[in-house]
Amino acid sequence: ELRVPLRNITSKVLTQSLRTLERDGFIIRTVHA
């Protein structure tokens, strides 16, 4: 879903940005089994 408006970002860079935001406490990553 994030890739839709952020169409110019690569998967690798989006993953890195999400990890950094998670590390800094701005977002939570939840895995749904």
PDB file of all heavy atoms in Angstrom:
ATOM      1  N   GLU A   1       0.831  -1.203   0.000  1.00  0.00           N
ATOM      2  CA  GLU A   1       0.000   0.000   0.000  1.00  0.00           C
ATOM      3  C   GLU A   1       0.865   1.252   0.000  1.00  0.00           C
ATOM      4  O   GLU A   1       0.527   2.254  -0.643  1.00  0.00           O
ATOM      5  CB  GLU A   1      -0.916   0.026   1.226  1.00  0.00           C
ATOM      6  CG  GLU A   1      -2.018  -0.994   1.220  1.00  0.00           C
ATOM      7  CD  GLU A   1      -2.842  -0.904   2.493  1.00  0.00           C
ATOM      8  OE1 GLU A   1      -2.410  -1.432   3.522  1.00  0.00           O
ATOM      9  OE2 GLU A   1      -3.918  -0.273   2.439  1.00  0.00           O
ATOM     10  N   LEU A   2       1.968   1.210   0.737  1.00  0.00           N
ATOM     11  CA  LEU A   2       2.856   2.367   0.801  1.00  0.00           C
ATOM     12  C   LEU A   2       3.511   2.645  -0.548  1.00  0.00           C
ATOM     13  O   LEU A   2       3.817   3.790  -0.873  1.00  0.00           O
ATOM     14  CB  LEU A   2       3.940   2.147   1.862  1.00  0.00           C
ATOM     15  CG  LEU A   2       3.432   2.045   3.299  1.00  0.00           C
ATOM     16  CD1 LEU A   2       4.565   1.630   4.230  1.00  0.00           C
ATOM     17  CD2 LEU A   2       2.798   3.343   3.754  1.00  0.00           C
ATOM     18  N   ARG A   3       3.704   1.605  -1.324  1.00  0.00           N
ATOM     19  CA  ARG A   3       4.352   1.763  -2.638  1.00  0.00           C
ATOM     20  C   ARG A   3       3.487   2.550  -3.617  1.00  0.00           C
ATOM     21  O   ARG A   3       4.003   3.095  -4.589  1.00  0.00           O
ATOM     22  CB  ARG A   3       4.658   0.388  -3.261  1.00  0.00           C
ATOM     23  CG  ARG A   3       5.682  -0.465  -2.560  1.00  0.00           C
ATOM     24  CD  ARG A   3       7.102   0.040  -2.668  1.00  0.00           C
ATOM     25  NE  ARG A   3       7.566   0.415  -3.977  1.00  0.00           N
ATOM     26  CZ  ARG A   3       8.183  -0.355  -4.846  1.00  0.00           C
ATOM     27  NH1 ARG A   3       8.421  -1.597  -4.543  1.00  0.00           N
ATOM     28  NH2 ARG A   3       8.577   0.112  -6.001  1.00  0.00           N
ATOM     29  N   VAL A   4       2.173   2.638  -3.392  1.00  0.00           N
ATOM     30  CA  VAL A   4       1.287   3.325  -4.341  1.00  0.00           C
ATOM     31  C   VAL A   4       1.625   4.820  -4.438  1.00  0.00           C
ATOM     32  O   VAL A   4       1.994   5.297  -5.510  1.00  0.00           O
ATOM     33  CB  VAL A   4      -0.206   3.079  -4.003  1.00  0.00           C
ATOM     34  CG1 VAL A   4      -1.109   3.921  -4.881  1.00  0.00           C
ATOM     35  CG2 VAL A   4      -0.539   1.597  -4.133  1.00  0.00           C
ATOM     36  N   PRO A   5       1.549   5.598  -3.348  1.00  0.00           N
ATOM     37  CA  PRO A   5       1.893   7.011  -3.488  1.00  0.00           C
ATOM     38  C   PRO A   5       3.411   7.248  -3.535  1.00  0.00           C
ATOM     39  O   PRO A   5       3.858   8.281  -4.013  1.00  0.00           O
ATOM     40  CB  PRO A   5       1.278   7.662  -2.258  1.00  0.00           C
ATOM     41  CG  PRO A   5       1.199   6.577  -1.255  1.00  0.00           C
ATOM     42  CD  PRO A   5       0.986   5.303  -2.027  1.00  0.00           C
ATOM     43  N   LEU A   6       4.181   6.279  -3.045  1.00  0.00           N
ATOM     44  CA  LEU A   6       5.637   6.410  -3.032  1.00  0.00           C
ATOM     45  C   LEU A   6       6.240   5.626  -4.196  1.00  0.00           C
ATOM     46  O   LEU A   6       7.218   4.910  -4.046  1.00  0.00           O
ATOM     47  CB  LEU A   6       6.199   5.899  -1.695  1.00  0.00           C
ATOM     48  CG  LEU A   6       5.668   6.594  -0.447  1.00  0.00           C
ATOM     49  CD1 LEU A   6       6.132   5.880   0.802  1.00  0.00           C
ATOM     50  CD2 LEU A   6       6.080   8.058  -0.429  1.00  0.00           C
ATOM     51  N   ARG A   7       5.668   5.789  -5.359  1.00  0.00           N
ATOM     52  CA  ARG A   7       6.036   4.958  -6.513  1.00  0.00           C
ATOM     53  C   ARG A   7       7.475   5.151  -6.978  1.00  0.00           C
ATOM     54  O   ARG A   7       8.003   4.316  -7.685  1.00  0.00           O
ATOM     55  CB  ARG A   7       5.054   5.175  -7.646  1.00  0.00           C
ATOM     56  CG  ARG A   7       4.974   6.596  -8.157  1.00  0.00           C
ATOM     57  CD  ARG A   7       3.813   6.760  -9.131  1.00  0.00           C
ATOM     58  NE  ARG A   7       3.507   8.150  -9.376  1.00  0.00           N
ATOM     59  CZ  ARG A   7       2.721   8.899  -8.610  1.00  0.00           C
ATOM     60  NH1 ARG A   7       2.172   8.384  -7.540  1.00  0.00           N
ATOM     61  NH2 ARG A   7       2.483  10.159  -8.913  1.00  0.00           N
ATOM     62  N   ASN A   8       8.133   6.229  -6.595  1.00  0.00           N
ATOM     63  CA  ASN A   8       9.506   6.468  -7.038  1.00  0.00           C
ATOM     64  C   ASN A   8      10.555   5.894  -6.089  1.00  0.00           C
ATOM     65  O   ASN A   8      11.745   6.027  -6.342  1.00  0.00           O
ATOM     66  CB  ASN A   8       9.757   7.968  -7.217  1.00  0.00           C
ATOM     67  CG  ASN A   8       8.955   8.534  -8.365  1.00  0.00           C
ATOM     68  OD1 ASN A   8       8.673   7.837  -9.328  1.00  0.00           O
ATOM     69  ND2 ASN A   8       8.565   9.784  -8.260  1.00  0.00           N
ATOM     70  N   ILE A   9      10.126   5.266  -5.020  1.00  0.00           N
ATOM     71  CA  ILE A   9      11.058   4.676  -4.072  1.00  0.00           C
ATOM     72  C   ILE A   9      11.260   3.202  -4.419  1.00  0.00           C
ATOM     73  O   ILE A   9      10.316   2.526  -4.825  1.00  0.00           O
ATOM     74  CB  ILE A   9      10.557   4.847  -2.611  1.00  0.00           C
ATOM     75  CG1 ILE A   9      11.630   4.468  -1.598  1.00  0.00           C
ATOM     76  CG2 ILE A   9       9.292   4.055  -2.374  1.00  0.00           C
ATOM     77  CD1 ILE A   9      11.246   4.796  -0.152  1.00  0.00           C
ATOM     78  N   THR A  10      12.476   2.715  -4.287  1.00  0.00           N
ATOM     79  CA  THR A  10      12.726   1.295  -4.535  1.00  0.00           C
ATOM     80  C   THR A  10      12.312   0.495  -3.307  1.00  0.00           C
ATOM     81  O   THR A  10      12.227   1.031  -2.197  1.00  0.00           O
ATOM     82  CB  THR A  10      14.214   1.031  -4.828  1.00  0.00           C
ATOM     83  OG1 THR A  10      14.972   1.347  -3.652  1.00  0.00           O
ATOM     84  CG2 THR A  10      14.701   1.850  -6.022  1.00  0.00           C
ATOM     85  N   SER A  11      12.060  -0.782  -3.491  1.00  0.00           N
ATOM     86  CA  SER A  11      11.704  -1.657  -2.369  1.00  0.00           C
ATOM     87  C   SER A  11      12.799  -1.646  -1.315  1.00  0.00           C
ATOM     88  O   SER A  11      12.521  -1.620  -0.113  1.00  0.00           O
ATOM     89  CB  SER A  11      11.468  -3.086  -2.850  1.00  0.00           C
ATOM     90  OG  SER A  11      10.337  -3.141  -3.666  1.00  0.00           O
ATOM     91  N   LYS A  12      14.035  -1.664  -1.763  1.00  0.00           N
ATOM     92  CA  LYS A  12      15.166  -1.680  -0.834  1.00  0.00           C
ATOM     93  C   LYS A  12      15.187  -0.422   0.038  1.00  0.00           C
ATOM     94  O   LYS A  12      15.344  -0.500   1.261  1.00  0.00           O
ATOM     95  CB  LYS A  12      16.478  -1.795  -1.616  1.00  0.00           C
ATOM     96  CG  LYS A  12      17.710  -1.754  -0.751  1.00  0.00           C
ATOM     97  CD  LYS A  12      18.975  -1.800  -1.600  1.00  0.00           C
ATOM     98  CE  LYS A  12      20.211  -1.637  -0.725  1.00  0.00           C
ATOM     99  NZ  LYS A  12      21.429  -1.599  -1.515  1.00  0.00           N
ATOM    100  N   VAL A  13      15.015   0.731  -0.574  1.00  0.00           N
ATOM    101  CA  VAL A  13      15.062   1.992   0.168  1.00  0.00           C
ATOM    102  C   VAL A  13      13.840   2.121   1.077  1.00  0.00           C
ATOM    103  O   VAL A  13      13.959   2.583   2.217  1.00  0.00           O
ATOM    104  CB  VAL A  13      15.199   3.198  -0.791  1.00  0.00           C
ATOM    105  CG1 VAL A  13      15.047   4.516  -0.058  1.00  0.00           C
ATOM    106  CG2 VAL A  13      16.532   3.134  -1.518  1.00  0.00           C
ATOM    107  N   LEU A  14      12.661   1.695   0.622  1.00  0.00           N
ATOM    108  CA  LEU A  14      11.474   1.724   1.478  1.00  0.00           C
ATOM    109  C   LEU A  14      11.691   0.829   2.691  1.00  0.00           C
ATOM    110  O   LEU A  14      11.384   1.222   3.820  1.00  0.00           O
ATOM    111  CB  LEU A  14      10.224   1.300   0.705  1.00  0.00           C
ATOM    112  CG  LEU A  14       8.913   1.279   1.500  1.00  0.00           C
ATOM    113  CD1 LEU A  14       8.630   2.620   2.172  1.00  0.00           C
ATOM    114  CD2 LEU A  14       7.757   0.877   0.591  1.00  0.00           C
ATOM    115  N   THR A  15      12.249  -0.349   2.488  1.00  0.00           N
ATOM    116  CA  THR A  15      12.532  -1.259   3.600  1.00  0.00           C
ATOM    117  C   THR A  15      13.505  -0.613   4.584  1.00  0.00           C
ATOM    118  O   THR A  15      13.286  -0.653   5.803  1.00  0.00           O
ATOM    119  CB  THR A  15      13.116  -2.593   3.075  1.00  0.00           C
ATOM    120  OG1 THR A  15      12.139  -3.214   2.243  1.00  0.00           O
ATOM    121  CG2 THR A  15      13.492  -3.529   4.206  1.00  0.00           C
ATOM    122  N   GLN A  16      14.561   0.011   4.073  1.00  0.00           N
ATOM    123  CA  GLN A  16      15.538   0.680   4.945  1.00  0.00           C
ATOM    124  C   GLN A  16      14.887   1.818   5.730  1.00  0.00           C
ATOM    125  O   GLN A  16      15.130   1.975   6.933  1.00  0.00           O
ATOM    126  CB  GLN A  16      16.704   1.226   4.117  1.00  0.00           C
ATOM    127  CG  GLN A  16      17.597   0.167   3.550  1.00  0.00           C
ATOM    128  CD  GLN A  16      18.610   0.727   2.548  1.00  0.00           C
ATOM    129  OE1 GLN A  16      18.423   1.803   1.970  1.00  0.00           O
ATOM    130  NE2 GLN A  16      19.675  -0.025   2.328  1.00  0.00           N
ATOM    131  N   SER A  17      14.049   2.607   5.069  1.00  0.00           N
ATOM    132  CA  SER A  17      13.380   3.727   5.729  1.00  0.00           C
ATOM    133  C   SER A  17      12.434   3.226   6.814  1.00  0.00           C
ATOM    134  O   SER A  17      12.392   3.793   7.909  1.00  0.00           O
ATOM    135  CB  SER A  17      12.615   4.574   4.716  1.00  0.00           C
ATOM    136  OG  SER A  17      13.495   5.200   3.826  1.00  0.00           O
ATOM    137  N   LEU A  18      11.676   2.177   6.511  1.00  0.00           N
ATOM    138  CA  LEU A  18      10.756   1.614   7.502  1.00  0.00           C
ATOM    139  C   LEU A  18      11.525   1.072   8.707  1.00  0.00           C
ATOM    140  O   LEU A  18      11.112   1.268   9.860  1.00  0.00           O
ATOM    141  CB  LEU A  18       9.894   0.518   6.871  1.00  0.00           C
ATOM    142  CG  LEU A  18       8.827   1.015   5.891  1.00  0.00           C
ATOM    143  CD1 LEU A  18       8.274  -0.149   5.074  1.00  0.00           C
ATOM    144  CD2 LEU A  18       7.705   1.752   6.626  1.00  0.00           C
ATOM    145  N   ARG A  19      12.626   0.399   8.470  1.00  0.00           N
ATOM    146  CA  ARG A  19      13.438  -0.129   9.573  1.00  0.00           C
ATOM    147  C   ARG A  19      13.988   0.997  10.443  1.00  0.00           C
ATOM    148  O   ARG A  19      14.030   0.892  11.673  1.00  0.00           O
ATOM    149  CB  ARG A  19      14.581  -0.980   9.033  1.00  0.00           C
ATOM    150  CG  ARG A  19      14.120  -2.322   8.525  1.00  0.00           C
ATOM    151  CD  ARG A  19      15.271  -3.147   7.989  1.00  0.00           C
ATOM    152  NE  ARG A  19      14.785  -4.422   7.479  1.00  0.00           N
ATOM    153  CZ  ARG A  19      15.446  -5.168   6.616  1.00  0.00           C
ATOM    154  NH1 ARG A  19      16.629  -4.784   6.156  1.00  0.00           N
ATOM    155  NH2 ARG A  19      14.937  -6.308   6.205  1.00  0.00           N
ATOM    156  N   THR A  20      14.427   2.075   9.809  1.00  0.00           N
ATOM    157  CA  THR A  20      14.949   3.220  10.556  1.00  0.00           C
ATOM    158  C   THR A  20      13.846   3.872  11.384  1.00  0.00           C
ATOM    159  O   THR A  20      14.051   4.199  12.560  1.00  0.00           O
ATOM    160  CB  THR A  20      15.588   4.251   9.600  1.00  0.00           C
ATOM    161  OG1 THR A  20      16.657   3.619   8.897  1.00  0.00           O
ATOM    162  CG2 THR A  20      16.109   5.458  10.344  1.00  0.00           C
ATOM    163  N   LEU A  21      12.669   4.049  10.790  1.00  0.00           N
ATOM    164  CA  LEU A  21      11.543   4.632  11.528  1.00  0.00           C
ATOM    165  C   LEU A  21      11.136   3.741  12.695  1.00  0.00           C
ATOM    166  O   LEU A  21      10.781   4.244  13.771  1.00  0.00           O
ATOM    167  CB  LEU A  21      10.352   4.859  10.585  1.00  0.00           C
ATOM    168  CG  LEU A  21      10.513   6.007   9.594  1.00  0.00           C
ATOM    169  CD1 LEU A  21       9.436   5.940   8.523  1.00  0.00           C
ATOM    170  CD2 LEU A  21      10.481   7.343  10.315  1.00  0.00           C
ATOM    171  N   GLU A  22      11.202   2.423  12.504  1.00  0.00           N
ATOM    172  CA  GLU A  22      10.886   1.491  13.589  1.00  0.00           C
ATOM    173  C   GLU A  22      11.949   1.593  14.683  1.00  0.00           C
ATOM    174  O   GLU A  22      11.622   1.668  15.873  1.00  0.00           O
ATOM    175  CB  GLU A  22      10.804   0.069  13.040  1.00  0.00           C
ATOM    176  CG  GLU A  22      10.430  -0.957  14.088  1.00  0.00           C
ATOM    177  CD  GLU A  22      10.366  -2.375  13.540  1.00  0.00           C
ATOM    178  OE1 GLU A  22      10.890  -2.633  12.431  1.00  0.00           O
ATOM    179  OE2 GLU A  22       9.801  -3.229  14.243  1.00  0.00           O
ATOM    180  N   ARG A  23      13.208   1.598  14.287  1.00  0.00           N
ATOM    181  CA  ARG A  23      14.309   1.704  15.254  1.00  0.00           C
ATOM    182  C   ARG A  23      14.210   2.976  16.080  1.00  0.00           C
ATOM    183  O   ARG A  23      14.477   2.988  17.279  1.00  0.00           O
ATOM    184  CB  ARG A  23      15.642   1.678  14.499  1.00  0.00           C
ATOM    185  CG  ARG A  23      16.858   1.754  15.433  1.00  0.00           C
ATOM    186  CD  ARG A  23      18.112   2.197  14.727  1.00  0.00           C
ATOM    187  NE  ARG A  23      17.950   3.595  14.317  1.00  0.00           N
ATOM    188  CZ  ARG A  23      18.521   4.131  13.257  1.00  0.00           C
ATOM    189  NH1 ARG A  23      19.273   3.400  12.461  1.00  0.00           N
ATOM    190  NH2 ARG A  23      18.339   5.403  12.958  1.00  0.00           N
ATOM    191  N   ASP A  24      13.790   4.080  15.438  1.00  0.00           N
ATOM    192  CA  ASP A  24      13.703   5.368  16.120  1.00  0.00           C
ATOM    193  C   ASP A  24      12.415   5.538  16.930  1.00  0.00           C
ATOM    194  O   ASP A  24      12.212   6.573  17.560  1.00  0.00           O
ATOM    195  CB  ASP A  24      13.831   6.509  15.108  1.00  0.00           C
ATOM    196  CG  ASP A  24      15.223   6.562  14.474  1.00  0.00           C
ATOM    197  OD1 ASP A  24      16.161   5.948  15.021  1.00  0.00           O
ATOM    198  OD2 ASP A  24      15.359   7.211  13.425  1.00  0.00           O
ATOM    199  N   GLY A  25      11.532   4.532  16.883  1.00  0.00           N
ATOM    200  CA  GLY A  25      10.320   4.564  17.699  1.00  0.00           C
ATOM    201  C   GLY A  25       9.142   5.282  17.078  1.00  0.00           C
ATOM    202  O   GLY A  25       8.156   5.550  17.759  1.00  0.00           O
ATOM    203  N   PHE A  26       9.200   5.572  15.770  1.00  0.00           N
ATOM    204  CA  PHE A  26       8.114   6.300  15.121  1.00  0.00           C
ATOM    205  C   PHE A  26       7.026   5.381  14.567  1.00  0.00           C
ATOM    206  O   PHE A  26       5.888   5.809  14.399  1.00  0.00           O
ATOM    207  CB  PHE A  26       8.646   7.178  13.985  1.00  0.00           C
ATOM    208  CG  PHE A  26       9.583   8.256  14.454  1.00  0.00           C
ATOM    209  CD1 PHE A  26      10.837   8.388  13.889  1.00  0.00           C
ATOM    210  CD2 PHE A  26       9.221   9.130  15.466  1.00  0.00           C
ATOM    211  CE1 PHE A  26      11.707   9.384  14.319  1.00  0.00           C
ATOM    212  CE2 PHE A  26      10.076  10.121  15.903  1.00  0.00           C
ATOM    213  CZ  PHE A  26      11.332  10.253  15.334  1.00  0.00           C
ATOM    214  N   ILE A  27       7.373   4.149  14.246  1.00  0.00           N
ATOM    215  CA  ILE A  27       6.381   3.193  13.734  1.00  0.00           C
ATOM    216  C   ILE A  27       6.554   1.843  14.408  1.00  0.00           C
ATOM    217  O   ILE A  27       7.601   1.546  14.994  1.00  0.00           O
ATOM    218  CB  ILE A  27       6.473   3.012  12.194  1.00  0.00           C
ATOM    219  CG1 ILE A  27       7.799   2.367  11.781  1.00  0.00           C
ATOM    220  CG2 ILE A  27       6.239   4.323  11.468  1.00  0.00           C
ATOM    221  CD1 ILE A  27       7.846   1.961  10.309  1.00  0.00           C
ATOM    222  N   ILE A  28       5.497   1.051  14.328  1.00  0.00           N
ATOM    223  CA  ILE A  28       5.504  -0.328  14.817  1.00  0.00           C
ATOM    224  C   ILE A  28       5.276  -1.229  13.613  1.00  0.00           C
ATOM    225  O   ILE A  28       4.400  -0.957  12.781  1.00  0.00           O
ATOM    226  CB  ILE A  28       4.369  -0.558  15.836  1.00  0.00           C
ATOM    227  CG1 ILE A  28       4.594   0.275  17.087  1.00  0.00           C
ATOM    228  CG2 ILE A  28       4.256  -2.039  16.191  1.00  0.00           C
ATOM    229  CD1 ILE A  28       3.414   0.246  18.039  1.00  0.00           C
ATOM    230  N   ARG A  29       6.037  -2.300  13.545  1.00  0.00           N
ATOM    231  CA  ARG A  29       5.878  -3.320  12.503  1.00  0.00           C
ATOM    232  C   ARG A  29       5.211  -4.510  13.163  1.00  0.00           C
ATOM    233  O   ARG A  29       5.705  -5.055  14.142  1.00  0.00           O
ATOM    234  CB  ARG A  29       7.255  -3.715  11.958  1.00  0.00           C
ATOM    235  CG  ARG A  29       7.224  -4.788  10.921  1.00  0.00           C
ATOM    236  CD  ARG A  29       8.667  -5.122  10.496  1.00  0.00           C
ATOM    237  NE  ARG A  29       8.694  -6.060   9.415  1.00  0.00           N
ATOM    238  CZ  ARG A  29       8.785  -7.383   9.566  1.00  0.00           C
ATOM    239  NH1 ARG A  29       8.837  -7.914  10.762  1.00  0.00           N
ATOM    240  NH2 ARG A  29       8.812  -8.167   8.504  1.00  0.00           N
ATOM    241  N   THR A  30       4.051  -4.909  12.623  1.00  0.00           N
ATOM    242  CA  THR A  30       3.297  -6.023  13.177  1.00  0.00           C
ATOM    243  C   THR A  30       3.154  -7.115  12.134  1.00  0.00           C
ATOM    244  O   THR A  30       2.673  -6.861  11.029  1.00  0.00           O
ATOM    245  CB  THR A  30       1.881  -5.566  13.630  1.00  0.00           C
ATOM    246  OG1 THR A  30       2.026  -4.471  14.540  1.00  0.00           O
ATOM    247  CG2 THR A  30       1.129  -6.693  14.297  1.00  0.00           C
ATOM    248  N   VAL A  31       3.584  -8.327  12.496  1.00  0.00           N
ATOM    249  CA  VAL A  31       3.439  -9.483  11.615  1.00  0.00           C
ATOM    250  C   VAL A  31       2.169 -10.200  12.024  1.00  0.00           C
ATOM    251  O   VAL A  31       2.005 -10.582  13.183  1.00  0.00           O
ATOM    252  CB  VAL A  31       4.655 -10.432  11.729  1.00  0.00           C
ATOM    253  CG1 VAL A  31       4.456 -11.650  10.845  1.00  0.00           C
ATOM    254  CG2 VAL A  31       5.937  -9.700  11.389  1.00  0.00           C
ATOM    255  N   HIS A  32       1.248 -10.381  11.080  1.00  0.00           N
ATOM    256  CA  HIS A  32      -0.008 -11.080  11.327  1.00  0.00           C
ATOM    257  C   HIS A  32       0.120 -12.493  10.769  1.00  0.00           C
ATOM    258  O   HIS A  32       0.277 -12.676   9.565  1.00  0.00           O
ATOM    259  CB  HIS A  32      -1.178 -10.353  10.651  1.00  0.00           C
ATOM    260  CG  HIS A  32      -1.424  -8.990  11.211  1.00  0.00           C
ATOM    261  ND1 HIS A  32      -2.158  -8.771  12.339  1.00  0.00           N
ATOM    262  CD2 HIS A  32      -1.001  -7.766  10.784  1.00  0.00           C
ATOM    263  CE1 HIS A  32      -2.192  -7.469  12.590  1.00  0.00           C
ATOM    264  NE2 HIS A  32      -1.497  -6.842  11.662  1.00  0.00           N
ATOM    265  N   ALA A  33       0.045 -13.461  11.658  1.00  0.00           N
ATOM    266  CA  ALA A  33       0.108 -14.861  11.232  1.00  0.00           C
ATOM    267  C   ALA A  33      -1.284 -15.305  10.798  1.00  0.00           C
ATOM    268  O   ALA A  33      -2.279 -14.642  11.078  1.00  0.00           O
ATOM    269  CB  ALA A  33       0.605 -15.728  12.380  1.00  0.00           C
TER     270      ALA A  33
END
